[in-house]
Protein backbone atom coordinates (compact mmCIF):
# COMPACT_ATOMS: atom_id res chain seq x y z
CA UNK A 1 105.69 115.70 78.94
CA UNK A 2 104.59 112.44 78.23
CA UNK A 3 107.34 109.64 79.75
CA UNK A 4 107.03 106.14 78.66
CA UNK A 5 106.67 103.49 81.28
CA UNK A 6 110.00 101.52 82.09
CA UNK A 7 109.06 98.51 83.80
CA UNK A 8 112.06 96.98 83.94
CA UNK A 9 113.52 99.58 86.34
CA UNK A 10 110.44 100.78 87.97
CA UNK A 11 108.41 103.43 87.68
CA UNK A 12 109.94 106.75 89.14
CA UNK A 13 107.41 108.57 90.99
CA UNK A 14 106.87 112.35 90.23
CA UNK A 15 108.34 113.61 93.36
CA UNK A 16 111.80 111.52 92.17
CA UNK A 17 111.80 112.95 88.88
CA UNK A 18 111.69 116.42 90.30
CA UNK A 19 114.15 116.04 93.03
CA UNK A 20 116.37 115.03 89.78
CA UNK A 21 115.80 117.23 87.77
CA UNK A 22 115.97 119.87 90.32
CA UNK A 23 119.41 118.15 91.24
CA UNK A 24 120.63 118.77 87.15
CA UNK A 25 119.73 122.42 87.75
CA UNK A 26 121.72 122.60 91.04
CA UNK A 27 124.57 120.87 88.89
CA UNK A 28 124.69 123.20 86.04
CA UNK A 29 124.51 126.31 88.01
CA UNK A 30 127.29 125.08 90.33
CA UNK A 31 129.25 124.72 86.67
CA UNK A 32 128.19 128.16 85.49
CA UNK A 33 129.13 129.47 88.65
CA UNK A 34 132.74 127.95 88.82
CA UNK A 35 133.15 129.21 84.87
CA UNK A 36 132.37 132.66 85.84
CA UNK A 37 134.96 132.29 88.66
CA UNK A 38 137.30 130.97 86.53
CA UNK A 39 137.01 133.72 83.91
CA UNK A 40 137.43 136.45 87.14
CA UNK A 41 140.60 134.48 87.96
CA UNK A 42 142.19 134.56 84.49
CA UNK A 43 141.16 138.17 84.00
CA UNK A 44 143.02 139.03 87.39
CA UNK A 45 145.87 136.95 86.14
CA UNK A 46 145.95 138.31 82.64
CA UNK A 47 146.18 141.76 83.74
CA UNK A 48 148.91 140.76 86.95
CA UNK A 49 150.90 139.35 84.01
CA UNK A 50 151.09 142.29 81.50
CA UNK A 51 152.14 144.61 84.34
CA UNK A 52 154.45 142.45 85.18
CA UNK A 53 155.78 141.93 81.07
CA UNK A 54 155.80 145.56 80.91
CA UNK A 55 157.46 146.37 84.15
CA UNK A 56 160.06 144.01 83.34
CA UNK A 57 160.68 145.07 79.40
CA UNK A 58 160.89 148.49 80.71
CA UNK A 59 164.13 147.26 82.65
CA UNK A 60 165.51 145.63 79.91
CA UNK A 61 165.26 148.40 77.93
CA UNK A 62 167.05 150.83 80.03
CA UNK A 63 169.88 148.20 80.99
CA UNK A 64 170.36 148.13 77.04
CA UNK A 65 170.09 152.11 76.72
CA UNK A 66 173.59 153.44 75.89
CA UNK A 67 172.66 156.39 78.10
CA UNK A 68 171.85 154.21 81.51
CA UNK A 69 175.73 153.51 82.49
CA UNK A 70 174.19 152.98 86.62
CA UNK A 71 174.00 149.67 87.44
CA UNK A 72 170.75 147.84 89.15
CA UNK A 73 171.97 146.14 91.96
CA UNK A 74 170.33 148.53 94.23
CA UNK A 75 167.06 147.65 93.25
CA UNK A 76 167.83 144.17 93.25
CA UNK A 77 168.80 144.25 96.67
CA UNK A 78 164.95 144.24 98.24
CA UNK A 79 163.96 141.34 96.01
CA UNK A 80 162.86 138.29 97.23
CA UNK A 81 163.83 135.07 96.15
CA UNK A 82 160.84 134.27 93.72
CA UNK A 83 161.14 137.71 92.47
CA UNK A 84 164.17 137.16 91.53
CA UNK A 85 163.22 133.78 89.90
CA UNK A 86 160.37 135.19 87.92
CA UNK A 87 162.70 137.94 86.17
CA UNK A 88 165.22 135.35 85.38
CA UNK A 89 162.68 133.07 83.70
CA UNK A 90 161.12 136.09 82.11
CA UNK A 91 164.75 137.39 80.90
CA UNK A 92 164.48 133.60 79.47
CA UNK A 93 161.74 134.27 77.87
CA UNK A 94 163.12 137.64 76.41
CA UNK A 95 166.19 135.94 74.65
CA UNK A 96 164.46 133.40 73.35
CA UNK A 97 161.63 135.80 71.66
CA UNK A 98 164.81 138.03 70.30
CA UNK A 99 166.33 135.26 68.83
CA UNK A 100 163.36 134.12 67.03
CA UNK A 101 163.12 137.81 65.94
CA UNK A 102 166.66 137.43 64.54
CA UNK A 103 168.11 140.26 66.97
CA UNK A 104 171.09 138.17 67.90
CA UNK A 105 173.21 140.73 68.91
CA UNK A 106 170.70 142.34 71.21
CA UNK A 107 170.16 139.53 72.72
CA UNK A 108 173.79 138.41 73.09
CA UNK A 109 174.54 141.88 74.82
CA UNK A 110 171.61 141.77 76.67
CA UNK A 111 172.55 137.99 77.89
CA UNK A 112 175.88 139.61 78.67
CA UNK A 113 174.98 142.52 80.51
CA UNK A 114 176.11 142.50 84.17
CA UNK A 115 173.54 145.23 85.02
CA UNK A 116 170.39 142.80 84.27
């Protein structure tokens, strides 16, 4: 391709131009690799979060079930602090969604439950 000569900046030799184009290609590849890696990380994050949500919802459903009189304290003993904070945060999110769905009675029952 013909490029006009820019005398104010000096003429860029073909080798420098090729070097610059290679750098631009590498930067583009690096950005594409980063995006691919980011996509993979978020796919895994999504799978982990969905799995967590499903487990927590099953547990909440058991707590609210009239057929489940047993307390879940034995399961909580093995739980570390990070797991406990995650579960508590999920409970708050669940209560929020129940109230947005106008399920106040169910949300109140869940919030006052001693088993969760």
